Amino acid sequence: MSKEFQKTDDDDLDAFLSRREKGKSRESPETEPAKKDISSKLPPKIPAKEVPAPVKVDISDEEDDDQIKVARTGRAAAEAYQDVAVLRSKAHDHRHTAAKHYHKYKSNGAKAQKCSSKAVALREKSDERREKAAEYQQSYKEYESELDGAAQEKTDLSPESLRTKMASLERKTAKQEEHAKNLERKAADLTEKGAKFRSRAARFLEKSRLHESEARMYTKRADNLEKAN
């Protein structure tokens, strides 16, 4: 039994190996067309494009002259535009300076007017003080006449009381005169100060007009240059 079993096993192994080799030989020719089919499905390679060489174009003398004229015209227009911008910038600067000077002119004019108004008010007060001093002086003269009458016994007032009242009136008169002089001195100072402000305002007004004239000149030049182009 053992010999028969061994034979059958060997025979079966040989048969299995022979079938496997036949299967490989059958599969190999079939796989080759499959590989070919897969390679045929891949996209074809695109060849790189060749850059064409630059083509030289012959330009005639007339075309060359036209190109030069166009270039010169464009450059002239650009320069003219730049000149116009510069002129308008200068005109703007002069107008700005003129406005500043005009503002200073108005400010100094207002200060001069204020000084004049204060001086007038001080002079009016000085006149009032002088009027009071004149009234005291008039009363002093009346007491002086009464004092002469007292010496001749023509009045009931004593000479001592009259002299006291006269001395008081003299002090009041002198005080009013002093106040009047101080007020007049302050008014004179304010008048002088106002004159300085007016003189300064006149200078600023002149400068403002000069800068305004320069601004108009630059604006006119810019307008003419724009019209020419």
C-alpha atoms as a PDB file:
ATOM      1  CA  MET A   1       0.000   0.000   0.000  1.00  0.00           C
ATOM      2  CA  SER A   2       2.783   2.474   0.777  1.00  0.00           C
ATOM      3  CA  LYS A   3       4.443   2.003  -2.601  1.00  0.00           C
ATOM      4  CA  GLU A   4       1.240   2.572  -4.487  1.00  0.00           C
ATOM      5  CA  PHE A   5       0.463   5.710  -2.461  1.00  0.00           C
ATOM      6  CA  GLN A   6       3.936   7.088  -3.130  1.00  0.00           C
ATOM      7  CA  LYS A   7       3.560   6.555  -6.847  1.00  0.00           C
ATOM      8  CA  THR A   8       0.276   8.294  -6.999  1.00  0.00           C
ATOM      9  CA  ASP A   9       1.683  11.301  -5.138  1.00  0.00           C
ATOM     10  CA  ASP A  10       4.615  11.630  -7.490  1.00  0.00           C
ATOM     11  CA  ASP A  11       2.404  11.340 -10.510  1.00  0.00           C
ATOM     12  CA  ASP A  12       0.057  13.981  -9.217  1.00  0.00           C
ATOM     13  CA  LEU A  13       2.959  16.411  -8.538  1.00  0.00           C
ATOM     14  CA  ASP A  14       4.338  15.985 -12.032  1.00  0.00           C
ATOM     15  CA  ALA A  15       0.902  16.582 -13.519  1.00  0.00           C
ATOM     16  CA  PHE A  16       0.445  19.783 -11.438  1.00  0.00           C
ATOM     17  CA  LEU A  17       3.789  21.228 -12.492  1.00  0.00           C
ATOM     18  CA  SER A  18       3.146  20.442 -16.137  1.00  0.00           C
ATOM     19  CA  ARG A  19      -0.245  22.184 -16.034  1.00  0.00           C
ATOM     20  CA  ARG A  20       1.312  25.278 -14.349  1.00  0.00           C
ATOM     21  CA  GLU A  21       3.957  25.632 -17.040  1.00  0.00           C
ATOM     22  CA  LYS A  22       1.317  25.353 -19.751  1.00  0.00           C
ATOM     23  CA  GLY A  23      -0.757  28.058 -18.027  1.00  0.00           C
ATOM     24  CA  LYS A  24       2.207  30.467 -17.956  1.00  0.00           C
ATOM     25  CA  SER A  25       2.938  29.838 -21.585  1.00  0.00           C
ATOM     26  CA  ARG A  26      -0.681  30.626 -22.439  1.00  0.00           C
ATOM     27  CA  GLU A  27      -0.819  33.802 -20.359  1.00  0.00           C
ATOM     28  CA  SER A  28       2.375  35.406 -21.637  1.00  0.00           C
ATOM     29  CA  PRO A  29       1.214  36.078 -25.199  1.00  0.00           C
ATOM     30  CA  GLU A  30      -2.050  37.567 -23.857  1.00  0.00           C
ATOM     31  CA  THR A  31      -0.407  40.081 -21.504  1.00  0.00           C
ATOM     32  CA  GLU A  32       1.693  41.593 -24.278  1.00  0.00           C
ATOM     33  CA  PRO A  33      -1.323  42.982 -26.227  1.00  0.00           C
ATOM     34  CA  ALA A  34      -2.736  44.333 -22.937  1.00  0.00           C
ATOM     35  CA  LYS A  35       0.452  46.300 -22.347  1.00  0.00           C
ATOM     36  CA  LYS A  36       0.288  47.557 -25.899  1.00  0.00           C
ATOM     37  CA  ASP A  37      -3.318  48.672 -25.367  1.00  0.00           C
ATOM     38  CA  ILE A  38      -2.361  50.582 -22.197  1.00  0.00           C
ATOM     39  CA  SER A  39       0.525  52.329 -23.915  1.00  0.00           C
ATOM     40  CA  SER A  40      -1.739  53.266 -26.815  1.00  0.00           C
ATOM     41  CA  LYS A  41      -4.182  54.980 -24.416  1.00  0.00           C
ATOM     42  CA  LEU A  42      -1.522  57.410 -23.054  1.00  0.00           C
ATOM     43  CA  PRO A  43      -1.600  60.947 -24.587  1.00  0.00           C
ATOM     44  CA  PRO A  44       1.047  61.617 -27.198  1.00  0.00           C
ATOM     45  CA  LYS A  45       4.003  63.856 -26.246  1.00  0.00           C
ATOM     46  CA  ILE A  46       3.729  67.428 -27.554  1.00  0.00           C
ATOM     47  CA  PRO A  47       6.923  68.664 -29.142  1.00  0.00           C
ATOM     48  CA  ALA A  48       8.303  72.005 -27.926  1.00  0.00           C
ATOM     49  CA  LYS A  49       7.483  75.026 -30.104  1.00  0.00           C
ATOM     50  CA  GLU A  50      10.322  76.659 -31.854  1.00  0.00           C
ATOM     51  CA  VAL A  51      10.684  80.432 -31.288  1.00  0.00           C
ATOM     52  CA  PRO A  52      10.740  82.195 -34.636  1.00  0.00           C
ATOM     53  CA  ALA A  53      13.677  84.466 -35.260  1.00  0.00           C
ATOM     54  CA  PRO A  54      12.951  88.222 -35.264  1.00  0.00           C
ATOM     55  CA  VAL A  55      12.166  89.589 -38.653  1.00  0.00           C
ATOM     56  CA  LYS A  56      13.997  92.744 -39.637  1.00  0.00           C
ATOM     57  CA  VAL A  57      11.713  95.404 -41.110  1.00  0.00           C
ATOM     58  CA  ASP A  58      13.221  97.986 -43.347  1.00  0.00           C
ATOM     59  CA  ILE A  59      11.988 101.538 -42.479  1.00  0.00           C
ATOM     60  CA  SER A  60      12.080 104.226 -45.100  1.00  0.00           C
ATOM     61  CA  ASP A  61      13.443 107.705 -44.483  1.00  0.00           C
ATOM     62  CA  GLU A  62       9.954 109.260 -44.555  1.00  0.00           C
ATOM     63  CA  GLU A  63       8.643 106.856 -41.939  1.00  0.00           C
ATOM     64  CA  ASP A  64      11.725 107.527 -39.842  1.00  0.00           C
ATOM     65  CA  ASP A  65      11.117 111.286 -40.075  1.00  0.00           C
ATOM     66  CA  ASP A  66       7.462 110.803 -39.105  1.00  0.00           C
ATOM     67  CA  GLN A  67       8.442 108.797 -36.066  1.00  0.00           C
ATOM     68  CA  ILE A  68      10.939 111.471 -35.050  1.00  0.00           C
ATOM     69  CA  LYS A  69       8.284 114.182 -35.468  1.00  0.00           C
ATOM     70  CA  VAL A  70       5.783 112.207 -33.360  1.00  0.00           C
ATOM     71  CA  ALA A  71       8.392 111.664 -30.647  1.00  0.00           C
ATOM     72  CA  ARG A  72       9.340 115.343 -30.647  1.00  0.00           C
ATOM     73  CA  THR A  73       5.688 116.399 -30.548  1.00  0.00           C
ATOM     74  CA  GLY A  74       4.989 114.101 -27.622  1.00  0.00           C
ATOM     75  CA  ARG A  75       8.044 115.330 -25.779  1.00  0.00           C
ATOM     76  CA  ALA A  76       7.097 118.970 -26.440  1.00  0.00           C
ATOM     77  CA  ALA A  77       3.560 118.341 -25.198  1.00  0.00           C
ATOM     78  CA  ALA A  78       4.899 116.716 -22.026  1.00  0.00           C
ATOM     79  CA  GLU A  79       7.278 119.616 -21.431  1.00  0.00           C
ATOM     80  CA  ALA A  80       4.480 122.124 -22.052  1.00  0.00           C
ATOM     81  CA  TYR A  81       2.220 120.302 -19.585  1.00  0.00           C
ATOM     82  CA  GLN A  82       5.000 120.362 -17.022  1.00  0.00           C
ATOM     83  CA  ASP A  83       5.570 124.081 -17.631  1.00  0.00           C
ATOM     84  CA  VAL A  84       1.847 124.765 -17.180  1.00  0.00           C
ATOM     85  CA  ALA A  85       1.849 122.820 -13.918  1.00  0.00           C
ATOM     86  CA  VAL A  86       4.866 124.785 -12.672  1.00  0.00           C
ATOM     87  CA  LEU A  87       3.271 128.119 -13.618  1.00  0.00           C
ATOM     88  CA  ARG A  88       0.005 127.260 -11.892  1.00  0.00           C
ATOM     89  CA  SER A  89       1.906 126.110  -8.812  1.00  0.00           C
ATOM     90  CA  LYS A  90       3.717 129.446  -8.657  1.00  0.00           C
ATOM     91  CA  ALA A  91       0.422 131.306  -9.121  1.00  0.00           C
ATOM     92  CA  HIS A  92      -1.061 129.301  -6.236  1.00  0.00           C
ATOM     93  CA  ASP A  93       1.910 130.128  -3.985  1.00  0.00           C
ATOM     94  CA  HIS A  94       1.604 133.850  -4.773  1.00  0.00           C
ATOM     95  CA  ARG A  95      -2.135 133.805  -4.087  1.00  0.00           C
ATOM     96  CA  HIS A  96      -1.536 132.056  -0.779  1.00  0.00           C
ATOM     97  CA  THR A  97       1.083 134.650   0.210  1.00  0.00           C
ATOM     98  CA  ALA A  98      -1.207 137.476  -0.921  1.00  0.00           C
ATOM     99  CA  ALA A  99      -4.010 136.089   1.253  1.00  0.00           C
ATOM    100  CA  LYS A 100      -1.683 135.926   4.263  1.00  0.00           C
ATOM    101  CA  HIS A 101      -0.586 139.546   3.778  1.00  0.00           C
ATOM    102  CA  TYR A 102      -4.180 140.661   3.282  1.00  0.00           C
ATOM    103  CA  HIS A 103      -5.161 138.955   6.534  1.00  0.00           C
ATOM    104  CA  LYS A 104      -2.355 140.811   8.326  1.00  0.00           C
ATOM    105  CA  TYR A 105      -3.511 144.038   6.689  1.00  0.00           C
ATOM    106  CA  LYS A 106      -7.035 143.552   8.035  1.00  0.00           C
ATOM    107  CA  SER A 107      -5.723 142.588  11.474  1.00  0.00           C
ATOM    108  CA  ASN A 108      -3.508 145.669  11.760  1.00  0.00           C
ATOM    109  CA  GLY A 109      -6.311 147.862  10.445  1.00  0.00           C
ATOM    110  CA  ALA A 110      -8.636 146.505  13.149  1.00  0.00           C
ATOM    111  CA  LYS A 111      -5.996 147.167  15.816  1.00  0.00           C
ATOM    112  CA  ALA A 112      -5.518 150.725  14.540  1.00  0.00           C
ATOM    113  CA  GLN A 113      -9.268 151.305  14.637  1.00  0.00           C
ATOM    114  CA  LYS A 114      -9.424 149.942  18.180  1.00  0.00           C
ATOM    115  CA  CYS A 115      -6.630 152.278  19.291  1.00  0.00           C
ATOM    116  CA  SER A 116      -8.403 155.226  17.696  1.00  0.00           C
ATOM    117  CA  SER A 117     -11.676 154.362  19.426  1.00  0.00           C
ATOM    118  CA  LYS A 118      -9.956 154.117  22.822  1.00  0.00           C
ATOM    119  CA  ALA A 119      -8.131 157.391  22.234  1.00  0.00           C
ATOM    120  CA  VAL A 120     -11.394 159.159  21.431  1.00  0.00           C
ATOM    121  CA  ALA A 121     -13.010 157.743  24.579  1.00  0.00           C
ATOM    122  CA  LEU A 122     -10.039 158.881  26.704  1.00  0.00           C
ATOM    123  CA  ARG A 123     -10.190 162.377  25.235  1.00  0.00           C
ATOM    124  CA  GLU A 124     -13.893 162.563  26.047  1.00  0.00           C
ATOM    125  CA  LYS A 125     -13.126 161.620  29.657  1.00  0.00           C
ATOM    126  CA  SER A 126     -10.352 164.194  29.724  1.00  0.00           C
ATOM    127  CA  ASP A 127     -12.802 166.853  28.552  1.00  0.00           C
ATOM    128  CA  GLU A 128     -15.195 165.863  31.319  1.00  0.00           C
ATOM    129  CA  ARG A 129     -12.398 166.198  33.882  1.00  0.00           C
ATOM    130  CA  ARG A 130     -11.492 169.602  32.543  1.00  0.00           C
ATOM    131  CA  GLU A 131     -15.135 170.706  32.719  1.00  0.00           C
ATOM    132  CA  LYS A 132     -15.221 169.680  36.366  1.00  0.00           C
ATOM    133  CA  ALA A 133     -11.977 171.534  36.959  1.00  0.00           C
ATOM    134  CA  ALA A 134     -13.533 174.604  35.339  1.00  0.00           C
ATOM    135  CA  GLU A 135     -16.561 174.292  37.619  1.00  0.00           C
ATOM    136  CA  TYR A 136     -14.307 174.063  40.671  1.00  0.00           C
ATOM    137  CA  GLN A 137     -12.391 177.070  39.410  1.00  0.00           C
ATOM    138  CA  GLN A 138     -15.620 179.023  39.055  1.00  0.00           C
ATOM    139  CA  SER A 139     -16.640 178.121  42.623  1.00  0.00           C
ATOM    140  CA  TYR A 140     -13.204 179.137  43.794  1.00  0.00           C
ATOM    141  CA  LYS A 141     -13.663 182.566  42.239  1.00  0.00           C
ATOM    142  CA  GLU A 142     -17.055 182.921  43.952  1.00  0.00           C
ATOM    143  CA  TYR A 143     -15.549 182.067  47.324  1.00  0.00           C
ATOM    144  CA  GLU A 144     -12.715 184.453  46.576  1.00  0.00           C
ATOM    145  CA  SER A 145     -15.217 187.303  46.037  1.00  0.00           C
ATOM    146  CA  GLU A 146     -17.000 186.303  49.255  1.00  0.00           C
ATOM    147  CA  LEU A 147     -13.686 186.374  51.055  1.00  0.00           C
ATOM    148  CA  ASP A 148     -13.195 189.960  49.904  1.00  0.00           C
ATOM    149  CA  GLY A 149     -16.714 190.756  51.214  1.00  0.00           C
ATOM    150  CA  ALA A 150     -15.912 189.122  54.534  1.00  0.00           C
ATOM    151  CA  ALA A 151     -12.932 191.372  54.871  1.00  0.00           C
ATOM    152  CA  GLN A 152     -15.292 194.301  54.367  1.00  0.00           C
ATOM    153  CA  GLU A 153     -17.881 192.660  56.673  1.00  0.00           C
ATOM    154  CA  LYS A 154     -20.397 192.225  53.830  1.00  0.00           C
ATOM    155  CA  THR A 155     -21.000 188.484  54.447  1.00  0.00           C
ATOM    156  CA  ASP A 156     -21.825 186.250  57.381  1.00  0.00           C
ATOM    157  CA  LEU A 157     -19.169 183.611  56.513  1.00  0.00           C
ATOM    158  CA  SER A 158     -15.913 183.742  58.374  1.00  0.00           C
ATOM    159  CA  PRO A 159     -12.726 184.200  56.395  1.00  0.00           C
ATOM    160  CA  GLU A 160     -11.279 180.953  57.814  1.00  0.00           C
ATOM    161  CA  SER A 161     -14.164 178.811  56.485  1.00  0.00           C
ATOM    162  CA  LEU A 162     -13.970 180.508  53.118  1.00  0.00           C
ATOM    163  CA  ARG A 163     -10.246 179.881  52.898  1.00  0.00           C
ATOM    164  CA  THR A 164     -10.806 176.227  53.811  1.00  0.00           C
ATOM    165  CA  LYS A 165     -13.399 175.810  51.062  1.00  0.00           C
ATOM    166  CA  MET A 166     -11.144 177.614  48.595  1.00  0.00           C
ATOM    167  CA  ALA A 167      -8.224 175.331  49.443  1.00  0.00           C
ATOM    168  CA  SER A 168     -10.465 172.264  48.951  1.00  0.00           C
ATOM    169  CA  LEU A 169     -11.580 173.595  45.582  1.00  0.00           C
ATOM    170  CA  GLU A 170      -7.947 174.179  44.575  1.00  0.00           C
ATOM    171  CA  ARG A 171      -7.092 170.568  45.415  1.00  0.00           C
ATOM    172  CA  LYS A 172     -10.070 169.291  43.463  1.00  0.00           C
ATOM    173  CA  THR A 173      -9.237 171.493  40.499  1.00  0.00           C
ATOM    174  CA  ALA A 174      -5.618 170.329  40.485  1.00  0.00           C
ATOM    175  CA  LYS A 175      -6.715 166.689  40.767  1.00  0.00           C
ATOM    176  CA  GLN A 176      -9.120 167.013  37.837  1.00  0.00           C
ATOM    177  CA  GLU A 177      -6.427 168.728  35.770  1.00  0.00           C
ATOM    178  CA  GLU A 178      -3.989 165.936  36.572  1.00  0.00           C
ATOM    179  CA  HIS A 179      -6.526 163.240  35.560  1.00  0.00           C
ATOM    180  CA  ALA A 180      -7.264 165.137  32.377  1.00  0.00           C
ATOM    181  CA  LYS A 181      -3.552 165.300  31.500  1.00  0.00           C
ATOM    182  CA  ASN A 182      -3.069 161.576  32.183  1.00  0.00           C
ATOM    183  CA  LEU A 183      -6.026 160.724  29.989  1.00  0.00           C
ATOM    184  CA  GLU A 184      -4.726 162.972  27.229  1.00  0.00           C
ATOM    185  CA  ARG A 185      -1.303 161.348  27.469  1.00  0.00           C
ATOM    186  CA  LYS A 186      -2.831 157.871  27.171  1.00  0.00           C
ATOM    187  CA  ALA A 187      -4.926 159.043  24.234  1.00  0.00           C
ATOM    188  CA  ALA A 188      -1.795 160.403  22.539  1.00  0.00           C
ATOM    189  CA  ASP A 189       0.009 157.065  23.063  1.00  0.00           C
ATOM    190  CA  LEU A 190      -2.921 155.173  21.604  1.00  0.00           C
ATOM    191  CA  THR A 191      -3.034 157.553  18.645  1.00  0.00           C
ATOM    192  CA  GLU A 192       0.649 156.966  17.986  1.00  0.00           C
ATOM    193  CA  LYS A 193       0.167 153.211  18.333  1.00  0.00           C
ATOM    194  CA  GLY A 194      -2.764 153.338  15.945  1.00  0.00           C
ATOM    195  CA  ALA A 195      -0.652 155.243  13.423  1.00  0.00           C
ATOM    196  CA  LYS A 196       1.981 152.472  13.576  1.00  0.00           C
ATOM    197  CA  PHE A 197      -0.692 149.837  12.997  1.00  0.00           C
ATOM    198  CA  ARG A 198      -2.022 151.824  10.031  1.00  0.00           C
ATOM    199  CA  SER A 199       1.458 152.141   8.554  1.00  0.00           C
ATOM    200  CA  ARG A 200       2.039 148.411   8.994  1.00  0.00           C
ATOM    201  CA  ALA A 201      -1.358 147.646   7.477  1.00  0.00           C
ATOM    202  CA  ALA A 202      -0.506 149.789   4.443  1.00  0.00           C
ATOM    203  CA  ARG A 203       2.730 147.816   3.906  1.00  0.00           C
ATOM    204  CA  PHE A 204       0.915 144.493   4.149  1.00  0.00           C
ATOM    205  CA  LEU A 205      -1.738 145.698   1.722  1.00  0.00           C
ATOM    206  CA  GLU A 206       0.941 146.707  -0.776  1.00  0.00           C
ATOM    207  CA  LYS A 207       2.646 143.310  -0.479  1.00  0.00           C
ATOM    208  CA  SER A 208      -0.692 141.544  -0.900  1.00  0.00           C
ATOM    209  CA  ARG A 209      -1.403 143.488  -4.094  1.00  0.00           C
ATOM    210  CA  LEU A 210       2.055 142.717  -5.477  1.00  0.00           C
ATOM    211  CA  HIS A 211       1.671 138.980  -4.873  1.00  0.00           C
ATOM    212  CA  GLU A 212      -1.821 139.038  -6.323  1.00  0.00           C
ATOM    213  CA  SER A 213      -0.434 140.735  -9.440  1.00  0.00           C
ATOM    214  CA  GLU A 214       2.269 138.053  -9.728  1.00  0.00           C
ATOM    215  CA  ALA A 215      -0.376 135.331  -9.371  1.00  0.00           C
ATOM    216  CA  ARG A 216      -2.452 136.852 -12.195  1.00  0.00           C
ATOM    217  CA  MET A 217       0.627 137.063 -14.401  1.00  0.00           C
ATOM    218  CA  TYR A 218       1.536 133.377 -13.865  1.00  0.00           C
ATOM    219  CA  THR A 219      -2.080 132.329 -14.412  1.00  0.00           C
ATOM    220  CA  LYS A 220      -2.224 134.262 -17.675  1.00  0.00           C
ATOM    221  CA  ARG A 221       1.019 132.684 -18.906  1.00  0.00           C
ATOM    222  CA  ALA A 222      -0.313 129.217 -18.063  1.00  0.00           C
ATOM    223  CA  ASP A 223      -3.575 129.906 -19.923  1.00  0.00           C
ATOM    224  CA  ASN A 224      -1.739 131.159 -22.996  1.00  0.00           C
ATOM    225  CA  LEU A 225       0.559 128.122 -22.965  1.00  0.00           C
ATOM    226  CA  GLU A 226      -2.412 125.762 -22.760  1.00  0.00           C
ATOM    227  CA  LYS A 227      -4.117 127.531 -25.662  1.00  0.00           C
ATOM    228  CA  ALA A 228      -0.947 127.340 -27.762  1.00  0.00           C
ATOM    229  CA  ASN A 229      -0.775 123.578 -27.278  1.00  0.00           C
END
